[in-house]
PDB file of N, CA and C in Angstrom:
ATOM      1  N   MET A   1       5.889  35.624  54.274  1.00  0.00           N
ATOM      2  CA  MET A   1       6.955  34.832  53.698  1.00  0.00           C
ATOM      3  C   MET A   1       6.417  33.515  53.147  1.00  0.00           C
ATOM      4  N   LYS A   2       5.462  32.899  53.904  1.00  0.00           N
ATOM      5  CA  LYS A   2       4.891  31.649  53.435  1.00  0.00           C
ATOM      6  C   LYS A   2       4.130  31.873  52.129  1.00  0.00           C
ATOM      7  N   LYS A   3       3.442  33.009  52.040  1.00  0.00           N
ATOM      8  CA  LYS A   3       2.675  33.301  50.838  1.00  0.00           C
ATOM      9  C   LYS A   3       3.598  33.506  49.637  1.00  0.00           C
ATOM     10  N   LEU A   4       4.754  34.105  49.847  1.00  0.00           N
ATOM     11  CA  LEU A   4       5.714  34.329  48.771  1.00  0.00           C
ATOM     12  C   LEU A   4       6.257  32.998  48.258  1.00  0.00           C
ATOM     13  N   ILE A   5       6.629  32.109  49.158  1.00  0.00           N
ATOM     14  CA  ILE A   5       7.156  30.795  48.766  1.00  0.00           C
ATOM     15  C   ILE A   5       6.067  29.989  48.059  1.00  0.00           C
ATOM     16  N   LEU A   6       4.846  30.048  48.590  1.00  0.00           N
ATOM     17  CA  LEU A   6       3.735  29.330  47.981  1.00  0.00           C
ATOM     18  C   LEU A   6       3.425  29.888  46.588  1.00  0.00           C
ATOM     19  N   THR A   7       3.465  31.194  46.422  1.00  0.00           N
ATOM     20  CA  THR A   7       3.211  31.827  45.130  1.00  0.00           C
ATOM     21  C   THR A   7       4.278  31.438  44.117  1.00  0.00           C
ATOM     22  N   VAL A   8       5.548  31.445  44.523  1.00  0.00           N
ATOM     23  CA  VAL A   8       6.645  31.053  43.631  1.00  0.00           C
ATOM     24  C   VAL A   8       6.502  29.588  43.240  1.00  0.00           C
ATOM     25  N   ALA A   9       6.130  28.717  44.168  1.00  0.00           N
ATOM     26  CA  ALA A   9       5.965  27.293  43.873  1.00  0.00           C
ATOM     27  C   ALA A   9       4.827  27.069  42.879  1.00  0.00           C
ATOM     28  N   ILE A  10       3.723  27.785  43.057  1.00  0.00           N
ATOM     29  CA  ILE A  10       2.586  27.642  42.142  1.00  0.00           C
ATOM     30  C   ILE A  10       2.949  28.154  40.753  1.00  0.00           C
ATOM     31  N   LEU A  11       3.624  29.287  40.684  1.00  0.00           N
ATOM     32  CA  LEU A  11       4.040  29.822  39.383  1.00  0.00           C
ATOM     33  C   LEU A  11       5.040  28.900  38.694  1.00  0.00           C
ATOM     34  N   ALA A  12       5.988  28.357  39.443  1.00  0.00           N
ATOM     35  CA  ALA A  12       6.975  27.439  38.862  1.00  0.00           C
ATOM     36  C   ALA A  12       6.284  26.177  38.344  1.00  0.00           C
ATOM     37  N   GLY A  13       5.315  25.673  39.092  1.00  0.00           N
ATOM     38  CA  GLY A  13       4.563  24.501  38.640  1.00  0.00           C
ATOM     39  C   GLY A  13       3.733  24.798  37.409  1.00  0.00           C
ATOM     40  N   GLY A  14       3.135  25.975  37.369  1.00  0.00           N
ATOM     41  CA  GLY A  14       2.328  26.370  36.215  1.00  0.00           C
ATOM     42  C   GLY A  14       3.153  26.548  34.957  1.00  0.00           C
ATOM     43  N   ILE A  15       4.332  27.123  35.103  1.00  0.00           N
ATOM     44  CA  ILE A  15       5.212  27.345  33.954  1.00  0.00           C
ATOM     45  C   ILE A  15       5.775  26.027  33.445  1.00  0.00           C
ATOM     46  N   SER A  16       6.068  25.106  34.350  1.00  0.00           N
ATOM     47  CA  SER A  16       6.672  23.841  33.928  1.00  0.00           C
ATOM     48  C   SER A  16       5.692  22.982  33.131  1.00  0.00           C
ATOM     49  N   THR A  17       4.397  23.158  33.330  1.00  0.00           N
ATOM     50  CA  THR A  17       3.448  22.377  32.531  1.00  0.00           C
ATOM     51  C   THR A  17       3.468  22.804  31.074  1.00  0.00           C
ATOM     52  N   PHE A  18       3.777  24.059  30.798  1.00  0.00           N
ATOM     53  CA  PHE A  18       3.874  24.517  29.423  1.00  0.00           C
ATOM     54  C   PHE A  18       5.204  24.136  28.790  1.00  0.00           C
ATOM     55  N   ALA A  19       6.180  23.745  29.587  1.00  0.00           N
ATOM     56  CA  ALA A  19       7.493  23.386  29.064  1.00  0.00           C
ATOM     57  C   ALA A  19       7.520  21.963  28.526  1.00  0.00           C
ATOM     58  N   LEU A  20       6.497  21.161  28.802  1.00  0.00           N
ATOM     59  CA  LEU A  20       6.464  19.797  28.295  1.00  0.00           C
ATOM     60  C   LEU A  20       6.281  19.823  26.787  1.00  0.00           C
ATOM     61  N   SER A  21       7.082  19.043  26.114  1.00  0.00           N
ATOM     62  CA  SER A  21       6.976  19.025  24.658  1.00  0.00           C
ATOM     63  C   SER A  21       6.006  17.937  24.223  1.00  0.00           C
ATOM     64  N   ASN A  22       5.368  18.174  23.136  1.00  0.00           N
ATOM     65  CA  ASN A  22       4.432  17.219  22.564  1.00  0.00           C
ATOM     66  C   ASN A  22       5.178  16.424  21.500  1.00  0.00           C
ATOM     67  N   ASN A  23       5.531  15.188  21.809  1.00  0.00           N
ATOM     68  CA  ASN A  23       6.305  14.363  20.888  1.00  0.00           C
ATOM     69  C   ASN A  23       5.428  13.507  19.984  1.00  0.00           C
ATOM     70  N   ILE A  24       4.152  13.722  19.997  1.00  0.00           N
ATOM     71  CA  ILE A  24       3.260  12.938  19.162  1.00  0.00           C
ATOM     72  C   ILE A  24       3.266  13.537  17.759  1.00  0.00           C
ATOM     73  N   LEU A  25       3.713  12.739  16.811  1.00  0.00           N
ATOM     74  CA  LEU A  25       3.773  13.189  15.424  1.00  0.00           C
ATOM     75  C   LEU A  25       2.565  12.642  14.670  1.00  0.00           C
ATOM     76  N   PRO A  26       1.982  13.418  13.827  1.00  0.00           N
ATOM     77  CA  PRO A  26       0.846  12.894  13.051  1.00  0.00           C
ATOM     78  C   PRO A  26       1.318  11.841  12.054  1.00  0.00           C
ATOM     79  N   THR A  27       0.528  10.825  11.909  1.00  0.00           N
ATOM     80  CA  THR A  27       0.873   9.758  10.976  1.00  0.00           C
ATOM     81  C   THR A  27       0.104   9.970   9.682  1.00  0.00           C
ATOM     82  N   GLU A  28       0.815   9.867   8.601  1.00  0.00           N
ATOM     83  CA  GLU A  28       0.184  10.020   7.306  1.00  0.00           C
ATOM     84  C   GLU A  28       0.169   8.674   6.607  1.00  0.00           C
ATOM     85  N   THR A  29      -0.915   8.350   5.995  1.00  0.00           N
ATOM     86  CA  THR A  29      -0.989   7.130   5.203  1.00  0.00           C
ATOM     87  C   THR A  29      -1.202   7.519   3.752  1.00  0.00           C
ATOM     88  N   ILE A  30      -0.468   6.858   2.913  1.00  0.00           N
ATOM     89  CA  ILE A  30      -0.570   7.111   1.485  1.00  0.00           C
ATOM     90  C   ILE A  30      -1.163   5.862   0.848  1.00  0.00           C
ATOM     91  N   THR A  31      -2.241   6.041   0.170  1.00  0.00           N
ATOM     92  CA  THR A  31      -2.899   4.926  -0.480  1.00  0.00           C
ATOM     93  C   THR A  31      -2.861   5.150  -1.981  1.00  0.00           C
ATOM     94  N   ILE A  32      -2.347   4.155  -2.675  1.00  0.00           N
ATOM     95  CA  ILE A  32      -2.306   4.225  -4.128  1.00  0.00           C
ATOM     96  C   ILE A  32      -3.500   3.438  -4.645  1.00  0.00           C
ATOM     97  N   LEU A  33      -4.350   4.115  -5.342  1.00  0.00           N
ATOM     98  CA  LEU A  33      -5.530   3.459  -5.889  1.00  0.00           C
ATOM     99  C   LEU A  33      -5.358   3.289  -7.387  1.00  0.00           C
ATOM    100  N   ASN A  34      -5.517   2.079  -7.823  1.00  0.00           N
ATOM    101  CA  ASN A  34      -5.465   1.802  -9.249  1.00  0.00           C
ATOM    102  C   ASN A  34      -6.889   1.653  -9.756  1.00  0.00           C
ATOM    103  N   GLN A  35      -7.582   2.763  -9.829  1.00  0.00           N
ATOM    104  CA  GLN A  35      -8.965   2.716 -10.248  1.00  0.00           C
ATOM    105  C   GLN A  35      -9.106   2.625 -11.762  1.00  0.00           C
ATOM    106  N   GLU A  36      -8.003   2.738 -12.466  1.00  0.00           N
ATOM    107  CA  GLU A  36      -8.051   2.639 -13.913  1.00  0.00           C
ATOM    108  C   GLU A  36      -8.267   1.205 -14.368  1.00  0.00           C
ATOM    109  N   PHE A  37      -7.965   0.234 -13.523  1.00  0.00           N
ATOM    110  CA  PHE A  37      -8.056  -1.162 -13.904  1.00  0.00           C
ATOM    111  C   PHE A  37      -9.504  -1.632 -13.879  1.00  0.00           C
ATOM    112  N   LYS A  38      -9.886  -2.372 -14.909  1.00  0.00           N
ATOM    113  CA  LYS A  38     -11.226  -2.944 -14.998  1.00  0.00           C
ATOM    114  C   LYS A  38     -11.097  -4.460 -14.972  1.00  0.00           C
ATOM    115  N   GLU A  39     -11.986  -5.099 -14.245  1.00  0.00           N
ATOM    116  CA  GLU A  39     -11.920  -6.551 -14.100  1.00  0.00           C
ATOM    117  C   GLU A  39     -12.290  -7.237 -15.416  1.00  0.00           C
ATOM    118  N   ILE A  40     -11.527  -8.283 -15.726  1.00  0.00           N
ATOM    119  CA  ILE A  40     -11.788  -9.093 -16.914  1.00  0.00           C
ATOM    120  C   ILE A  40     -11.824 -10.554 -16.484  1.00  0.00           C
ATOM    121  N   THR A  41     -12.272 -11.405 -17.373  1.00  0.00           N
ATOM    122  CA  THR A  41     -12.250 -12.833 -17.066  1.00  0.00           C
ATOM    123  C   THR A  41     -10.852 -13.372 -17.334  1.00  0.00           C
ATOM    124  N   ILE A  42     -10.553 -14.483 -16.727  1.00  0.00           N
ATOM    125  CA  ILE A  42      -9.221 -15.076 -16.877  1.00  0.00           C
ATOM    126  C   ILE A  42      -9.005 -15.538 -18.315  1.00  0.00           C
ATOM    127  N   ASN A  43     -10.070 -15.910 -18.998  1.00  0.00           N
ATOM    128  CA  ASN A  43      -9.967 -16.346 -20.396  1.00  0.00           C
ATOM    129  C   ASN A  43      -9.555 -15.208 -21.324  1.00  0.00           C
ATOM    130  N   GLU A  44      -9.729 -13.973 -20.899  1.00  0.00           N
ATOM    131  CA  GLU A  44      -9.377 -12.817 -21.730  1.00  0.00           C
ATOM    132  C   GLU A  44      -7.900 -12.441 -21.630  1.00  0.00           C
ATOM    133  N   LEU A  45      -7.137 -13.113 -20.770  1.00  0.00           N
ATOM    134  CA  LEU A  45      -5.706 -12.811 -20.634  1.00  0.00           C
ATOM    135  C   LEU A  45      -4.967 -13.218 -21.900  1.00  0.00           C
ATOM    136  N   PRO A  46      -4.004 -12.416 -22.349  1.00  0.00           N
ATOM    137  CA  PRO A  46      -3.202 -12.795 -23.512  1.00  0.00           C
ATOM    138  C   PRO A  46      -2.368 -14.046 -23.220  1.00  0.00           C
ATOM    139  N   THR A  47      -2.041 -14.761 -24.262  1.00  0.00           N
ATOM    140  CA  THR A  47      -1.250 -15.983 -24.126  1.00  0.00           C
ATOM    141  C   THR A  47       0.109 -15.690 -23.501  1.00  0.00           C
ATOM    142  N   ALA A  48       0.712 -14.556 -23.839  1.00  0.00           N
ATOM    143  CA  ALA A  48       2.027 -14.211 -23.288  1.00  0.00           C
ATOM    144  C   ALA A  48       1.962 -14.051 -21.773  1.00  0.00           C
ATOM    145  N   VAL A  49       0.892 -13.459 -21.270  1.00  0.00           N
ATOM    146  CA  VAL A  49       0.738 -13.279 -19.822  1.00  0.00           C
ATOM    147  C   VAL A  49       0.507 -14.630 -19.153  1.00  0.00           C
ATOM    148  N   THR A  50      -0.334 -15.454 -19.757  1.00  0.00           N
ATOM    149  CA  THR A  50      -0.599 -16.786 -19.209  1.00  0.00           C
ATOM    150  C   THR A  50       0.676 -17.617 -19.169  1.00  0.00           C
ATOM    151  N   ASN A  51       1.473 -17.564 -20.234  1.00  0.00           N
ATOM    152  CA  ASN A  51       2.741 -18.307 -20.267  1.00  0.00           C
ATOM    153  C   ASN A  51       3.716 -17.794 -19.215  1.00  0.00           C
ATOM    154  N   ALA A  52       3.749 -16.479 -18.990  1.00  0.00           N
ATOM    155  CA  ALA A  52       4.642 -15.909 -17.972  1.00  0.00           C
ATOM    156  C   ALA A  52       4.239 -16.379 -16.581  1.00  0.00           C
ATOM    157  N   ILE A  53       2.941 -16.480 -16.329  1.00  0.00           N
ATOM    158  CA  ILE A  53       2.477 -16.972 -15.026  1.00  0.00           C
ATOM    159  C   ILE A  53       2.887 -18.424 -14.843  1.00  0.00           C
ATOM    160  N   LEU A  54       2.675 -19.244 -15.877  1.00  0.00           N
ATOM    161  CA  LEU A  54       3.037 -20.661 -15.786  1.00  0.00           C
ATOM    162  C   LEU A  54       4.540 -20.853 -15.605  1.00  0.00           C
ATOM    163  N   LYS A  55       5.333 -19.979 -16.223  1.00  0.00           N
ATOM    164  CA  LYS A  55       6.791 -20.090 -16.132  1.00  0.00           C
ATOM    165  C   LYS A  55       7.307 -19.641 -14.763  1.00  0.00           C
ATOM    166  N   ASP A  56       6.856 -18.473 -14.290  1.00  0.00           N
ATOM    167  CA  ASP A  56       7.414 -17.892 -13.072  1.00  0.00           C
ATOM    168  C   ASP A  56       6.658 -18.269 -11.803  1.00  0.00           C
ATOM    169  N   PHE A  57       5.409 -18.644 -11.924  1.00  0.00           N
ATOM    170  CA  PHE A  57       4.594 -19.038 -10.766  1.00  0.00           C
ATOM    171  C   PHE A  57       3.869 -20.346 -11.094  1.00  0.00           C
ATOM    172  N   PRO A  58       4.601 -21.454 -11.189  1.00  0.00           N
ATOM    173  CA  PRO A  58       3.974 -22.700 -11.649  1.00  0.00           C
ATOM    174  C   PRO A  58       2.878 -23.231 -10.728  1.00  0.00           C
ATOM    175  N   SER A  59       2.951 -22.947  -9.442  1.00  0.00           N
ATOM    176  CA  SER A  59       1.936 -23.468  -8.519  1.00  0.00           C
ATOM    177  C   SER A  59       0.817 -22.464  -8.251  1.00  0.00           C
ATOM    178  N   ALA A  60       0.812 -21.355  -8.959  1.00  0.00           N
ATOM    179  CA  ALA A  60      -0.176 -20.294  -8.714  1.00  0.00           C
ATOM    180  C   ALA A  60      -1.400 -20.467  -9.605  1.00  0.00           C
ATOM    181  N   THR A  61      -2.509 -19.973  -9.085  1.00  0.00           N
ATOM    182  CA  THR A  61      -3.724 -19.867  -9.890  1.00  0.00           C
ATOM    183  C   THR A  61      -4.165 -18.405  -9.877  1.00  0.00           C
ATOM    184  N   VAL A  62      -4.719 -17.967 -10.969  1.00  0.00           N
ATOM    185  CA  VAL A  62      -5.159 -16.576 -11.083  1.00  0.00           C
ATOM    186  C   VAL A  62      -6.553 -16.462 -10.473  1.00  0.00           C
ATOM    187  N   SER A  63      -6.659 -15.674  -9.402  1.00  0.00           N
ATOM    188  CA  SER A  63      -7.953 -15.462  -8.754  1.00  0.00           C
ATOM    189  C   SER A  63      -8.769 -14.418  -9.503  1.00  0.00           C
ATOM    190  N   LYS A  64      -8.120 -13.291  -9.792  1.00  0.00           N
ATOM    191  CA  LYS A  64      -8.788 -12.198 -10.498  1.00  0.00           C
ATOM    192  C   LYS A  64      -7.801 -11.566 -11.459  1.00  0.00           C
ATOM    193  N   ALA A  65      -8.329 -10.981 -12.505  1.00  0.00           N
ATOM    194  CA  ALA A  65      -7.495 -10.300 -13.493  1.00  0.00           C
ATOM    195  C   ALA A  65      -8.144  -8.964 -13.846  1.00  0.00           C
ATOM    196  N   TYR A  66      -7.292  -7.965 -14.015  1.00  0.00           N
ATOM    197  CA  TYR A  66      -7.746  -6.613 -14.359  1.00  0.00           C
ATOM    198  C   TYR A  66      -6.871  -6.090 -15.491  1.00  0.00           C
ATOM    199  N   VAL A  67      -7.398  -5.176 -16.279  1.00  0.00           N
ATOM    200  CA  VAL A  67      -6.637  -4.555 -17.356  1.00  0.00           C
ATOM    201  C   VAL A  67      -6.934  -3.058 -17.359  1.00  0.00           C
ATOM    202  N   ASN A  68      -5.916  -2.274 -17.750  1.00  0.00           N
ATOM    203  CA  ASN A  68      -6.149  -0.836 -17.911  1.00  0.00           C
ATOM    204  C   ASN A  68      -6.086  -0.488 -19.390  1.00  0.00           C
ATOM    205  N   ASN A  69      -6.254   0.779 -19.709  1.00  0.00           N
ATOM    206  CA  ASN A  69      -6.298   1.195 -21.112  1.00  0.00           C
ATOM    207  C   ASN A  69      -4.930   1.184 -21.787  1.00  0.00           C
ATOM    208  N   LYS A  70      -3.854   0.947 -21.042  1.00  0.00           N
ATOM    209  CA  LYS A  70      -2.505   0.876 -21.617  1.00  0.00           C
ATOM    210  C   LYS A  70      -2.088  -0.561 -21.914  1.00  0.00           C
ATOM    211  N   GLY A  71      -2.983  -1.515 -21.711  1.00  0.00           N
ATOM    212  CA  GLY A  71      -2.647  -2.915 -21.959  1.00  0.00           C
ATOM    213  C   GLY A  71      -1.819  -3.526 -20.849  1.00  0.00           C
ATOM    214  N   GLN A  72      -1.909  -2.974 -19.656  1.00  0.00           N
ATOM    215  CA  GLN A  72      -1.204  -3.517 -18.497  1.00  0.00           C
ATOM    216  C   GLN A  72      -2.199  -4.317 -17.668  1.00  0.00           C
ATOM    217  N   TYR A  73      -1.708  -5.405 -17.098  1.00  0.00           N
ATOM    218  CA  TYR A  73      -2.586  -6.320 -16.381  1.00  0.00           C
ATOM    219  C   TYR A  73      -2.217  -6.380 -14.909  1.00  0.00           C
ATOM    220  N   LYS A  74      -3.240  -6.360 -14.087  1.00  0.00           N
ATOM    221  CA  LYS A  74      -3.086  -6.542 -12.644  1.00  0.00           C
ATOM    222  C   LYS A  74      -3.667  -7.914 -12.345  1.00  0.00           C
ATOM    223  N   LEU A  75      -2.834  -8.787 -11.775  1.00  0.00           N
ATOM    224  CA  LEU A  75      -3.249 -10.163 -11.537  1.00  0.00           C
ATOM    225  C   LEU A  75      -3.181 -10.476 -10.052  1.00  0.00           C
ATOM    226  N   ILE A  76      -4.230 -11.062  -9.528  1.00  0.00           N
ATOM    227  CA  ILE A  76      -4.237 -11.517  -8.139  1.00  0.00           C
ATOM    228  C   ILE A  76      -4.028 -13.020  -8.201  1.00  0.00           C
ATOM    229  N   LEU A  77      -2.880 -13.466  -7.708  1.00  0.00           N
ATOM    230  CA  LEU A  77      -2.528 -14.881  -7.749  1.00  0.00           C
ATOM    231  C   LEU A  77      -2.738 -15.520  -6.387  1.00  0.00           C
ATOM    232  N   SER A  78      -3.190 -16.761  -6.401  1.00  0.00           N
ATOM    233  CA  SER A  78      -3.296 -17.551  -5.170  1.00  0.00           C
ATOM    234  C   SER A  78      -2.163 -18.559  -5.185  1.00  0.00           C
ATOM    235  N   ILE A  79      -1.279 -18.431  -4.188  1.00  0.00           N
ATOM    236  CA  ILE A  79      -0.135 -19.326  -4.076  1.00  0.00           C
ATOM    237  C   ILE A  79      -0.139 -19.902  -2.671  1.00  0.00           C
ATOM    238  N   LYS A  80      -0.406 -21.192  -2.566  1.00  0.00           N
ATOM    239  CA  LYS A  80      -0.408 -21.883  -1.265  1.00  0.00           C
ATOM    240  C   LYS A  80      -1.226 -21.126  -0.223  1.00  0.00           C
ATOM    241  N   GLU A  81      -2.469 -20.866  -0.527  1.00  0.00           N
ATOM    242  CA  GLU A  81      -3.410 -20.192   0.367  1.00  0.00           C
ATOM    243  C   GLU A  81      -3.028 -18.745   0.691  1.00  0.00           C
ATOM    244  N   GLU A  82      -2.112 -18.173  -0.053  1.00  0.00           N
ATOM    245  CA  GLU A  82      -1.745 -16.773   0.105  1.00  0.00           C
ATOM    246  C   GLU A  82      -2.109 -16.033  -1.177  1.00  0.00           C
ATOM    247  N   SER A  83      -2.316 -14.750  -1.046  1.00  0.00           N
ATOM    248  CA  SER A  83      -2.672 -13.934  -2.196  1.00  0.00           C
ATOM    249  C   SER A  83      -1.513 -13.000  -2.527  1.00  0.00           C
ATOM    250  N   LYS A  84      -1.195 -12.895  -3.812  1.00  0.00           N
ATOM    251  CA  LYS A  84      -0.109 -12.021  -4.253  1.00  0.00           C
ATOM    252  C   LYS A  84      -0.589 -11.249  -5.477  1.00  0.00           C
ATOM    253  N   THR A  85      -0.299  -9.956  -5.500  1.00  0.00           N
ATOM    254  CA  THR A  85      -0.681  -9.117  -6.631  1.00  0.00           C
ATOM    255  C   THR A  85       0.554  -8.826  -7.470  1.00  0.00           C
ATOM    256  N   VAL A  86       0.456  -9.118  -8.760  1.00  0.00           N
ATOM    257  CA  VAL A  86       1.555  -8.855  -9.693  1.00  0.00           C
ATOM    258  C   VAL A  86       1.004  -8.071 -10.877  1.00  0.00           C
ATOM    259  N   TYR A  87       1.906  -7.413 -11.576  1.00  0.00           N
ATOM    260  CA  TYR A  87       1.532  -6.596 -12.728  1.00  0.00           C
ATOM    261  C   TYR A  87       2.348  -7.041 -13.935  1.00  0.00           C
ATOM    262  N   ALA A  88       1.719  -7.059 -15.105  1.00  0.00           N
ATOM    263  CA  ALA A  88       2.406  -7.462 -16.330  1.00  0.00           C
ATOM    264  C   ALA A  88       1.875  -6.627 -17.486  1.00  0.00           C
ATOM    265  N   ASN A  89       2.699  -6.544 -18.540  1.00  0.00           N
ATOM    266  CA  ASN A  89       2.207  -5.890 -19.753  1.00  0.00           C
ATOM    267  C   ASN A  89       1.674  -6.965 -20.693  1.00  0.00           C
ATOM    268  N   GLU A  90       1.187  -6.562 -21.852  1.00  0.00           N
ATOM    269  CA  GLU A  90       0.569  -7.531 -22.762  1.00  0.00           C
ATOM    270  C   GLU A  90       1.571  -8.486 -23.396  1.00  0.00           C
ATOM    271  N   LYS A  91       2.876  -8.186 -23.266  1.00  0.00           N
ATOM    272  CA  LYS A  91       3.917  -9.078 -23.775  1.00  0.00           C
ATOM    273  C   LYS A  91       4.321 -10.133 -22.750  1.00  0.00           C
ATOM    274  N   GLY A  92       3.746 -10.060 -21.541  1.00  0.00           N
ATOM    275  CA  GLY A  92       4.083 -11.019 -20.494  1.00  0.00           C
ATOM    276  C   GLY A  92       5.293 -10.611 -19.677  1.00  0.00           C
ATOM    277  N   GLU A  93       5.713  -9.361 -19.790  1.00  0.00           N
ATOM    278  CA  GLU A  93       6.848  -8.863 -19.007  1.00  0.00           C
ATOM    279  C   GLU A  93       6.322  -8.305 -17.693  1.00  0.00           C
ATOM    280  N   TRP A  94       7.001  -8.648 -16.599  1.00  0.00           N
ATOM    281  CA  TRP A  94       6.551  -8.215 -15.274  1.00  0.00           C
ATOM    282  C   TRP A  94       6.862  -6.739 -15.061  1.00  0.00           C
ATOM    283  N   LEU A  95       5.959  -6.051 -14.393  1.00  0.00           N
ATOM    284  CA  LEU A  95       6.095  -4.622 -14.110  1.00  0.00           C
ATOM    285  C   LEU A  95       6.081  -4.395 -12.607  1.00  0.00           C
ATOM    286  N   GLU A  96       6.686  -3.302 -12.193  1.00  0.00           N
ATOM    287  CA  GLU A  96       6.570  -2.861 -10.807  1.00  0.00           C
ATOM    288  C   GLU A  96       5.209  -2.192 -10.642  1.00  0.00           C
ATOM    289  N   GLU A  97       4.713  -2.159  -9.413  1.00  0.00           N
ATOM    290  CA  GLU A  97       3.409  -1.547  -9.161  1.00  0.00           C
ATOM    291  C   GLU A  97       3.397  -0.075  -9.566  1.00  0.00           C
ATOM    292  N   THR A  98       4.529   0.604  -9.350  1.00  0.00           N
ATOM    293  CA  THR A  98       4.595   2.028  -9.687  1.00  0.00           C
ATOM    294  C   THR A  98       4.584   2.258 -11.199  1.00  0.00           C
ATOM    295  N   ASP A  99       5.033   1.254 -11.980  1.00  0.00           N
ATOM    296  CA  ASP A  99       5.043   1.391 -13.439  1.00  0.00           C
ATOM    297  C   ASP A  99       3.668   1.143 -14.051  1.00  0.00           C
ATOM    298  N   ALA A 100       2.843   0.390 -13.349  1.00  0.00           N
ATOM    299  CA  ALA A 100       1.514   0.042 -13.870  1.00  0.00           C
ATOM    300  C   ALA A 100       0.510   1.097 -13.432  1.00  0.00           C
ATOM    301  N   LYS A 101       0.388   2.135 -14.220  1.00  0.00           N
ATOM    302  CA  LYS A 101      -0.551   3.224 -13.906  1.00  0.00           C
ATOM    303  C   LYS A 101      -1.392   3.535 -15.108  1.00  0.00           C
TER     304      LYS A 101
END
């Protein structure tokens, strides 16, 4: 009788370990790479883009500037010791990151 109870207890314990669910979900990271952009000097920026920066970000300085083959510009601005990335077209109109491809 003791062996029967012990056997049932061991089997119940063994089965319950398989009943535990695994709640760990894999995490996916999506990275958008804008490898189409090529670095340019700040002097190569169009006047419209420079004027848009002065108008909308008066205290900002352009750290780096990039351009792609569609005439879209990726600008890294320094604002009060912080860095901000903005996108503009050659007319000085601001673009969303998803639009600048």
